[in-house]
Every structure is written in structure tokens, then in C-alpha cells.
């Protein structure tokens, strides 16, 4: 008998992208159906997961715990990426300015 469970994430705490990335992380252990649902004006992300191999309830519980931890990690990574985007772009612009790949406005490209 295949084990399955539904896990719900609050859209005020988790993005759909973070939850999808978390599900992808465990796609070798289970199949996932991710849906955004709205109930009484409140949105949530529901994940229906079904184990591919194994039938124990302990395995399913462990996977749900890992999924919750991974969703949190992905959400934090997304937040950090957004917070550091300006600095990353500045570093990249500086690095590319030294290569000759980017030509200042009005200047002839290097041959």
C-alpha cells in the first residue's frame, strides 16, 4: 500500500517557488502535486505527496519533516538572494567592466 499525505504551507510565510524547490529536492522519494488554494479569502499551498517506495508511516512522517525543513531553507535562500541582489549585480558589473566585454557608451568596441 502506498503512503500519502497532504502538507499545507501558508502563503504569507512561503512562496510557491520555495515549496516547489523543496518538493523537487525529494522527487526521488515521492511524487508531489502542488496546488495553491484559497479558502475564505486565505491562500495556502497544499502539497499532496505520495511515497514511491516504502510503505511505513515512519518513512512518510520523516519525509514530511524533511519537506518542511527544506521549504524553510528554500524560502530563506530566496529572501537572502533578493536582499543581496544589488551587491551581486555591482560585483558582476565591476568584474565584466575589466574584461572588455562591456563597452562604455559612445566608445568603439575593442578589436
C-alpha atoms as a PDB file:
ATOM      1  CA  UNK A   1       0.000   0.000   0.000  1.00  0.00           C
ATOM      2  CA  UNK A   2       1.400   3.394  -0.984  1.00  0.00           C
ATOM      3  CA  UNK A   3       1.501   6.005   1.740  1.00  0.00           C
ATOM      4  CA  UNK A   4       0.326   9.549   1.056  1.00  0.00           C
ATOM      5  CA  UNK A   5      -0.234  12.744   2.972  1.00  0.00           C
ATOM      6  CA  UNK A   6      -1.206  16.364   2.384  1.00  0.00           C
ATOM      7  CA  UNK A   7       1.002  19.127   3.756  1.00  0.00           C
ATOM      8  CA  UNK A   8      -0.122  22.751   3.839  1.00  0.00           C
ATOM      9  CA  UNK A   9       2.047  25.878   3.692  1.00  0.00           C
ATOM     10  CA  UNK A  10       0.919  29.415   4.475  1.00  0.00           C
ATOM     11  CA  UNK A  11       1.486  31.753   1.523  1.00  0.00           C
ATOM     12  CA  UNK A  12       2.346  34.605   3.885  1.00  0.00           C
ATOM     13  CA  UNK A  13       5.369  32.616   5.075  1.00  0.00           C
ATOM     14  CA  UNK A  14       6.342  30.587   1.982  1.00  0.00           C
ATOM     15  CA  UNK A  15       6.434  31.344  -1.716  1.00  0.00           C
ATOM     16  CA  UNK A  16       5.151  28.861  -4.256  1.00  0.00           C
ATOM     17  CA  UNK A  17       8.641  28.729  -5.792  1.00  0.00           C
ATOM     18  CA  UNK A  18      10.266  27.805  -2.446  1.00  0.00           C
ATOM     19  CA  UNK A  19       7.754  24.997  -1.878  1.00  0.00           C
ATOM     20  CA  UNK A  20       8.213  23.711  -5.425  1.00  0.00           C
ATOM     21  CA  UNK A  21      12.002  23.679  -4.996  1.00  0.00           C
ATOM     22  CA  UNK A  22      11.613  21.801  -1.709  1.00  0.00           C
ATOM     23  CA  UNK A  23       9.401  19.207  -3.404  1.00  0.00           C
ATOM     24  CA  UNK A  24      11.880  18.838  -6.238  1.00  0.00           C
ATOM     25  CA  UNK A  25      14.616  18.104  -3.690  1.00  0.00           C
ATOM     26  CA  UNK A  26      12.762  14.918  -2.674  1.00  0.00           C
ATOM     27  CA  UNK A  27      11.373  13.918  -6.077  1.00  0.00           C
ATOM     28  CA  UNK A  28      13.438  10.732  -5.943  1.00  0.00           C
ATOM     29  CA  UNK A  29      11.479   9.584  -2.876  1.00  0.00           C
ATOM     30  CA  UNK A  30       7.926  10.725  -3.600  1.00  0.00           C
ATOM     31  CA  UNK A  31       5.648  12.251  -6.179  1.00  0.00           C
ATOM     32  CA  UNK A  32       4.208  15.670  -5.435  1.00  0.00           C
ATOM     33  CA  UNK A  33       1.096  17.530  -6.505  1.00  0.00           C
ATOM     34  CA  UNK A  34       1.375  21.216  -5.577  1.00  0.00           C
ATOM     35  CA  UNK A  35      -1.694  23.450  -5.614  1.00  0.00           C
ATOM     36  CA  UNK A  36      -2.468  26.975  -4.468  1.00  0.00           C
ATOM     37  CA  UNK A  37      -5.897  27.046  -2.867  1.00  0.00           C
ATOM     38  CA  UNK A  38      -7.947  29.868  -1.430  1.00  0.00           C
ATOM     39  CA  UNK A  39     -10.329  29.229   1.438  1.00  0.00           C
ATOM     40  CA  UNK A  40     -12.365  32.072   2.880  1.00  0.00           C
ATOM     41  CA  UNK A  41     -10.033  34.658   1.363  1.00  0.00           C
ATOM     42  CA  UNK A  42      -6.868  32.999   2.728  1.00  0.00           C
ATOM     43  CA  UNK A  43      -4.381  31.452   0.293  1.00  0.00           C
ATOM     44  CA  UNK A  44      -2.349  28.396   1.097  1.00  0.00           C
ATOM     45  CA  UNK A  45      -0.134  25.979  -0.767  1.00  0.00           C
ATOM     46  CA  UNK A  46      -1.240  22.372  -0.494  1.00  0.00           C
ATOM     47  CA  UNK A  47       1.180  19.602  -1.327  1.00  0.00           C
ATOM     48  CA  UNK A  48      -0.140  16.108  -1.832  1.00  0.00           C
ATOM     49  CA  UNK A  49       2.777  13.727  -1.553  1.00  0.00           C
ATOM     50  CA  UNK A  50       2.873  10.028  -2.209  1.00  0.00           C
ATOM     51  CA  UNK A  51       5.842   7.808  -1.427  1.00  0.00           C
ATOM     52  CA  UNK A  52       7.285   5.969  -4.409  1.00  0.00           C
ATOM     53  CA  UNK A  53       8.947   3.216  -2.402  1.00  0.00           C
ATOM     54  CA  UNK A  54       8.297   2.066   1.090  1.00  0.00           C
ATOM     55  CA  UNK A  55       5.109   1.712   2.984  1.00  0.00           C
ATOM     56  CA  UNK A  56       5.887   2.635   6.548  1.00  0.00           C
ATOM     57  CA  UNK A  57       4.199   5.520   8.277  1.00  0.00           C
ATOM     58  CA  UNK A  58       7.559   6.411   9.842  1.00  0.00           C
ATOM     59  CA  UNK A  59       9.073   6.947   6.371  1.00  0.00           C
ATOM     60  CA  UNK A  60       6.203   9.193   5.411  1.00  0.00           C
ATOM     61  CA  UNK A  61       6.427  11.195   8.635  1.00  0.00           C
ATOM     62  CA  UNK A  62      10.171  11.600   8.142  1.00  0.00           C
ATOM     63  CA  UNK A  63       9.678  12.817   4.576  1.00  0.00           C
ATOM     64  CA  UNK A  64       7.098  15.382   5.716  1.00  0.00           C
ATOM     65  CA  UNK A  65       9.558  16.660   8.329  1.00  0.00           C
ATOM     66  CA  UNK A  66      12.321  16.900   5.720  1.00  0.00           C
ATOM     67  CA  UNK A  67       9.974  18.671   3.306  1.00  0.00           C
ATOM     68  CA  UNK A  68       9.062  21.257   5.951  1.00  0.00           C
ATOM     69  CA  UNK A  69      12.743  21.898   6.728  1.00  0.00           C
ATOM     70  CA  UNK A  70      13.657  22.145   3.049  1.00  0.00           C
ATOM     71  CA  UNK A  71      10.796  24.561   2.328  1.00  0.00           C
ATOM     72  CA  UNK A  72      12.053  26.799   5.130  1.00  0.00           C
ATOM     73  CA  UNK A  73      15.602  26.640   3.779  1.00  0.00           C
ATOM     74  CA  UNK A  74      14.475  27.462   0.237  1.00  0.00           C
ATOM     75  CA  UNK A  75      12.377  30.381   1.490  1.00  0.00           C
ATOM     76  CA  UNK A  76      15.350  31.782   3.411  1.00  0.00           C
ATOM     77  CA  UNK A  77      17.635  31.329   0.385  1.00  0.00           C
ATOM     78  CA  UNK A  78      15.120  33.220  -1.754  1.00  0.00           C
ATOM     79  CA  UNK A  79      14.957  36.064   0.778  1.00  0.00           C
ATOM     80  CA  UNK A  80      18.769  36.294   1.018  1.00  0.00           C
ATOM     81  CA  UNK A  81      19.045  36.253  -2.782  1.00  0.00           C
ATOM     82  CA  UNK A  82      16.666  39.209  -3.021  1.00  0.00           C
ATOM     83  CA  UNK A  83      18.437  41.107  -0.239  1.00  0.00           C
ATOM     84  CA  UNK A  84      21.872  40.698  -1.816  1.00  0.00           C
ATOM     85  CA  UNK A  85      20.855  41.189  -5.449  1.00  0.00           C
ATOM     86  CA  UNK A  86      22.178  44.761  -5.649  1.00  0.00           C
ATOM     87  CA  UNK A  87      25.592  43.828  -4.294  1.00  0.00           C
ATOM     88  CA  UNK A  88      25.837  40.816  -6.611  1.00  0.00           C
ATOM     89  CA  UNK A  89      24.969  42.953  -9.627  1.00  0.00           C
ATOM     90  CA  UNK A  90      27.549  45.559  -8.621  1.00  0.00           C
ATOM     91  CA  UNK A  91      30.255  42.898  -8.256  1.00  0.00           C
ATOM     92  CA  UNK A  92      29.352  41.362 -11.618  1.00  0.00           C
ATOM     93  CA  UNK A  93      29.285  44.757 -13.347  1.00  0.00           C
ATOM     94  CA  UNK A  94      32.703  45.585 -11.941  1.00  0.00           C
ATOM     95  CA  UNK A  95      34.115  42.207 -12.954  1.00  0.00           C
ATOM     96  CA  UNK A  96      32.766  42.478 -16.502  1.00  0.00           C
ATOM     97  CA  UNK A  97      33.961  46.083 -16.853  1.00  0.00           C
ATOM     98  CA  UNK A  98      37.540  44.812 -16.627  1.00  0.00           C
ATOM     99  CA  UNK A  99      37.121  42.227 -19.415  1.00  0.00           C
ATOM    100  CA  UNK A 100      36.390  44.422 -22.418  1.00  0.00           C
ATOM    101  CA  UNK A 101      33.084  42.610 -22.920  1.00  0.00           C
ATOM    102  CA  UNK A 102      31.179  45.697 -21.840  1.00  0.00           C
ATOM    103  CA  UNK A 103      31.926  48.850 -23.803  1.00  0.00           C
ATOM    104  CA  UNK A 104      31.191  52.286 -22.283  1.00  0.00           C
ATOM    105  CA  UNK A 105      28.507  54.289 -24.121  1.00  0.00           C
ATOM    106  CA  UNK A 106      29.902  56.059 -27.173  1.00  0.00           C
ATOM    107  CA  UNK A 107      33.162  54.116 -27.254  1.00  0.00           C
ATOM    108  CA  UNK A 108      34.185  51.888 -30.137  1.00  0.00           C
ATOM    109  CA  UNK A 109      34.375  48.169 -29.306  1.00  0.00           C
ATOM    110  CA  UNK A 110      37.854  46.733 -28.917  1.00  0.00           C
ATOM    111  CA  UNK A 111      39.015  44.773 -31.933  1.00  0.00           C
END
